[in-house]
Structures are given as C-alpha cells and as structure tokens.
Amino acid sequence: MSASADLAAHLAGPVLEVAPTLLGSTLRCDGVAVRITEVEAYAGADDPGSHSYRGPTARNAAMFGPPGHLYVYFTYGMHHCANVVCGPEGTASGVLLRAGEVVEGVATARARRPGASDRDLARGPARLCTALAIDLADYGCDLSTGRVTLELADPPDPETISRGPRVGLRHAAEAPWRFWLSDERSVSVYRPAARRARRQASDLHKQ
C-alpha cells in the first residue's frame, strides 16, 4: 500500500474516532515540524458547527474528500486554519488542528511569530498555520506527498487524552468534540463564543 493510501485508510473512519488518534502526530511544512497536541472534530451534515453543514460549496469542497487531504480556510480577514479531511469520500468531515508544539525548525517558527514564547508558537489554530507557513495555497494538499505532510504517531493512551467543548462556536457549542493531550503546555485556552453581530456569526465556525 502506498503512503498516500495508507494515510487515507487511517483517516477514512468516523471523525470522532479519528480525531484523538491524530494527537502526537507530526505536521511538517516549509522547514518546521509541529507535534499536534489539540484537535477538534467536525461532522459535516450532522454538525451545525461545521462549514460543510449545509452541503458543498466552492469554499468547503475539499471537506468532501478524499480523506488525507488538507482543508484550509481564511477567517477574520487575517488568519488561516487547517483541517485534516477524514471519513469516507463524499461525506464531509474533518479535524481542525488547534494547537501543537514546535519540535523542529524552532528558529524559523520564531521568525514567523516574532515576540511569541516557544510555548505559544503554535498554540491556537491560526498560530499553528503561521508557524508552519500554511495558507490557501495549501488547500487540498495531499498530506502524504504535498508541501504539508502528516506523519502519524502511535495512538496515545486514552488515559492521557482529555476532551471537552469546542472553542468559540455559536452552534453545537456543547458537543465535547475537542480532544487534547492532558497537561501539555501548548494546548490553547478554552473560550466560549463571545457575542457578536449577526453579520459576523458565520466566521465564528471554527471548521
């Protein structure tokens, strides 16, 4: 089985099963590697918090597969966020990469995130993308062979994983679909959604 097929096979399962298995895996891009310490699951048509809840659009097309690719979106006019596409092709679901620890290319990540402490270099989905230099040019990237690659680690011991509500959502905010490695300093701070004007509500979806 090719590396691409092997990764796709791992990611083809239900998103709530796949998401915690990505903890401890390594994302690489442009000279920097980040060990993933926090993720959020989004379940497409079954999830009002997901960008793909109302079906395919030009923006979310990558979410519909195949698994093993990257869905990148731009939000608030300044930030990129990255999601690992999972589940069977044609059924949208994905895992938002919320936070991680820079394990290679620390000097490069520091240059991209000037003034940030090493703990904060990839602590949060936008910071993670900045540290790795991921942007919309990486939309749809094959995570086995593309500029951005995902190296799976052995699934962590379930006793080392915590879970809770997703961050900053107005819809389905109570779903405990955020997973993180317990006691990791790089995990982001939980914040519920703030009240915002209706015209800004769509940007509060984290996936």
Protein backbone atom coordinates (compact mmCIF):
# COMPACT_ATOMS: atom_id res chain seq x y z
CA MET A 1 0.00 0.00 0.00
CA SER A 2 1.36 3.46 -0.90
CA ALA A 3 1.99 6.09 1.79
CA SER A 4 -0.94 8.11 0.46
CA ALA A 5 -3.30 5.10 0.51
CA ASP A 6 -2.09 4.11 3.98
CA LEU A 7 -2.78 7.57 5.40
CA ALA A 8 -6.16 7.76 3.67
CA ALA A 9 -7.12 4.37 5.10
CA HIS A 10 -6.29 5.55 8.62
CA LEU A 11 -8.34 8.71 8.18
CA ALA A 12 -11.35 7.10 6.48
CA GLY A 13 -13.17 6.28 9.72
CA PRO A 14 -15.73 8.32 11.69
CA VAL A 15 -14.36 11.70 12.68
CA LEU A 16 -14.88 11.20 16.42
CA GLU A 17 -12.74 8.07 16.25
CA VAL A 18 -10.08 9.58 14.00
CA ALA A 19 -9.63 12.91 15.80
CA PRO A 20 -7.98 11.68 19.03
CA THR A 21 -5.65 9.37 17.07
CA LEU A 22 -4.03 12.44 15.48
CA LEU A 23 -2.74 13.65 18.85
CA GLY A 24 1.01 13.22 18.98
CA SER A 25 1.33 13.08 15.18
CA THR A 26 3.67 15.46 13.37
CA LEU A 27 2.71 18.05 10.77
CA ARG A 28 5.56 19.33 8.60
CA CYS A 29 5.76 22.27 6.23
CA ASP A 30 8.46 24.58 4.93
CA GLY A 31 11.18 23.74 7.42
CA VAL A 32 9.05 23.49 10.57
CA ALA A 33 7.54 20.44 12.30
CA VAL A 34 4.76 20.60 14.89
CA ARG A 35 3.67 17.77 17.18
CA ILE A 36 -0.13 18.00 17.40
CA THR A 37 -1.44 18.38 20.96
CA GLU A 38 -5.03 19.59 20.44
CA VAL A 39 -7.71 18.96 17.81
CA GLU A 40 -11.43 19.49 17.22
CA ALA A 41 -13.75 17.15 15.32
CA TYR A 42 -16.38 18.41 12.85
CA ALA A 43 -19.01 16.05 11.45
CA GLY A 44 -20.33 17.77 8.33
CA ALA A 45 -24.06 17.35 7.71
CA ASP A 46 -24.58 16.11 11.28
CA ASP A 47 -22.85 19.12 12.82
CA PRO A 48 -24.26 22.70 12.79
CA GLY A 49 -20.80 23.93 13.82
CA SER A 50 -19.21 22.71 10.59
CA HIS A 51 -18.56 24.70 7.42
CA SER A 52 -19.98 21.77 5.45
CA TYR A 53 -23.25 21.53 7.41
CA ARG A 54 -25.33 22.93 4.54
CA GLY A 55 -23.61 20.99 1.77
CA PRO A 56 -20.76 21.54 -0.67
CA THR A 57 -19.61 24.99 -1.77
CA ALA A 58 -16.53 26.29 -3.56
CA ARG A 59 -15.03 27.10 -0.17
CA ASN A 60 -15.58 23.73 1.54
CA ALA A 61 -15.23 21.34 -1.43
CA ALA A 62 -12.07 19.74 -0.02
CA MET A 63 -14.05 18.64 3.03
CA PHE A 64 -15.91 16.09 0.91
CA GLY A 65 -12.80 14.04 0.32
CA PRO A 66 -10.86 12.09 -0.34
CA PRO A 67 -9.51 11.66 3.20
CA GLY A 68 -5.88 12.51 3.81
CA HIS A 69 -6.03 15.97 2.28
CA LEU A 70 -5.93 19.43 3.84
CA TYR A 71 -8.85 21.84 4.10
CA VAL A 72 -7.55 25.37 4.70
CA TYR A 73 -9.77 28.40 5.25
CA PHE A 74 -9.20 32.10 5.82
CA THR A 75 -11.07 33.85 8.61
CA TYR A 76 -11.42 37.31 10.16
CA GLY A 77 -9.60 38.72 7.14
CA MET A 78 -6.22 37.75 8.60
CA HIS A 79 -5.95 34.13 9.79
CA HIS A 80 -5.60 30.71 8.17
CA CYS A 81 -6.77 27.50 9.86
CA ALA A 82 -6.03 23.93 8.74
CA ASN A 83 -8.14 20.77 8.91
CA VAL A 84 -7.32 17.16 8.13
CA VAL A 85 -10.07 15.74 5.92
CA CYS A 86 -11.34 12.38 7.12
CA GLY A 87 -14.25 9.98 6.71
CA PRO A 88 -15.39 8.26 3.51
CA GLU A 89 -15.10 10.28 0.31
CA GLY A 90 -18.28 12.21 -0.45
CA THR A 91 -19.22 12.58 3.23
CA ALA A 92 -17.73 15.76 4.66
CA SER A 93 -15.89 15.63 7.96
CA GLY A 94 -12.59 16.88 9.24
CA VAL A 95 -10.33 17.57 12.18
CA LEU A 96 -9.27 21.12 12.98
CA LEU A 97 -5.64 21.26 14.10
CA ARG A 98 -5.96 23.53 17.12
CA ALA A 99 -2.52 23.52 18.69
CA GLY A 100 0.87 21.88 18.83
CA GLU A 101 4.47 22.02 19.97
CA VAL A 102 7.17 23.07 17.51
CA VAL A 103 9.68 20.21 17.54
CA GLU A 104 11.83 21.13 14.52
CA GLY A 105 12.64 24.47 12.94
CA VAL A 106 12.12 26.46 16.13
CA ALA A 107 14.22 29.39 14.88
CA THR A 108 12.15 29.57 11.68
CA ALA A 109 8.89 29.44 13.65
CA ARG A 110 10.16 32.21 15.94
CA ALA A 111 10.90 34.39 12.90
CA ARG A 112 7.35 33.85 11.65
CA ARG A 113 5.87 34.53 15.10
CA PRO A 114 8.10 37.36 16.44
CA GLY A 115 7.70 38.03 20.14
CA ALA A 116 5.90 34.75 20.87
CA SER A 117 7.19 32.44 23.56
CA ASP A 118 8.13 28.93 22.44
CA ARG A 119 5.02 27.68 24.24
CA ASP A 120 2.85 29.96 22.10
CA LEU A 121 4.46 29.41 18.69
CA ALA A 122 1.70 27.01 17.57
CA ARG A 123 -0.77 27.41 20.43
CA GLY A 124 -4.04 28.02 18.59
CA PRO A 125 -5.14 27.15 15.02
CA ALA A 126 -4.08 30.43 13.39
CA ARG A 127 -0.72 30.47 15.19
CA LEU A 128 -0.11 26.88 14.13
CA CYS A 129 -0.64 27.80 10.48
CA THR A 130 1.57 30.87 10.78
CA ALA A 131 4.40 28.88 12.36
CA LEU A 132 4.18 26.33 9.53
CA ALA A 133 3.58 28.94 6.77
CA ILE A 134 0.34 27.20 5.75
CA ASP A 135 -2.05 29.30 3.69
CA LEU A 136 -4.71 28.94 0.99
CA ALA A 137 -2.09 27.77 -1.49
CA ASP A 138 -2.10 24.51 0.52
CA TYR A 139 -5.86 23.99 0.13
CA GLY A 140 -6.49 20.38 -0.91
CA CYS A 141 -2.88 19.34 -0.34
CA ASP A 142 -2.24 15.57 -0.21
CA LEU A 143 -0.81 15.10 3.29
CA SER A 144 1.36 12.21 2.14
CA THR A 145 3.07 13.81 -0.84
CA GLY A 146 2.34 17.55 -0.75
CA ARG A 147 4.14 20.56 0.68
CA VAL A 148 2.39 19.87 4.00
CA THR A 149 2.81 16.34 5.31
CA LEU A 150 1.29 14.45 8.23
CA GLU A 151 3.29 11.74 9.96
CA LEU A 152 1.09 9.57 12.16
CA ALA A 153 2.30 8.55 15.60
CA ASP A 154 1.11 5.58 17.59
CA PRO A 155 -2.30 6.49 19.05
CA PRO A 156 -1.90 7.93 22.54
CA ASP A 157 -3.05 6.09 25.64
CA PRO A 158 -6.72 7.06 26.18
CA GLU A 159 -5.87 7.92 29.77
CA THR A 160 -3.60 10.74 28.52
CA ILE A 161 -6.38 12.38 26.49
CA SER A 162 -8.85 14.98 27.74
CA ARG A 163 -11.99 16.11 25.91
CA GLY A 164 -14.42 18.98 26.19
CA PRO A 165 -16.48 21.54 24.25
CA ARG A 166 -15.13 23.17 21.12
CA VAL A 167 -13.80 26.72 21.21
CA GLY A 168 -15.67 29.84 20.12
CA LEU A 169 -18.70 28.19 18.47
CA ARG A 170 -22.22 29.60 18.46
CA HIS A 171 -23.75 26.37 17.09
CA ALA A 172 -23.38 22.94 18.73
CA ALA A 173 -21.01 24.52 21.22
CA GLU A 174 -21.85 21.97 23.88
CA ALA A 175 -20.56 18.97 21.90
CA PRO A 176 -17.46 17.58 23.66
CA TRP A 177 -15.59 17.16 20.40
CA ARG A 178 -12.32 18.87 21.32
CA PHE A 179 -9.52 16.49 22.27
CA TRP A 180 -6.14 17.33 23.76
CA LEU A 181 -3.16 15.74 25.41
CA SER A 182 -3.56 16.31 29.12
CA ASP A 183 -1.02 18.55 30.85
CA GLU A 184 0.53 19.78 27.58
CA ARG A 185 1.61 23.43 27.87
CA SER A 186 0.95 24.10 24.18
CA VAL A 187 -2.81 23.42 24.42
CA SER A 188 -4.87 26.56 23.79
CA VAL A 189 -7.04 28.31 26.36
CA TYR A 190 -10.74 27.38 26.25
CA ARG A 191 -13.01 30.33 25.47
CA PRO A 192 -16.73 30.08 24.70
CA ALA A 193 -18.12 32.14 21.84
CA ALA A 194 -18.39 35.86 22.50
CA ARG A 195 -21.49 37.79 21.49
CA ARG A 196 -21.02 39.28 18.04
CA ALA A 197 -23.09 40.99 15.39
CA ARG A 198 -25.15 38.68 13.20
CA ARG A 199 -23.12 39.57 10.12
CA GLN A 200 -20.04 38.14 11.83
CA ALA A 201 -21.63 34.94 13.11
CA SER A 202 -20.53 32.75 10.19
CA ASP A 203 -16.89 33.49 10.96
CA LEU A 204 -17.28 32.01 14.42
CA HIS A 205 -17.49 28.50 12.99
CA LYS A 206 -14.11 27.01 13.61
CA GLN A 207 -14.33 24.49 10.81
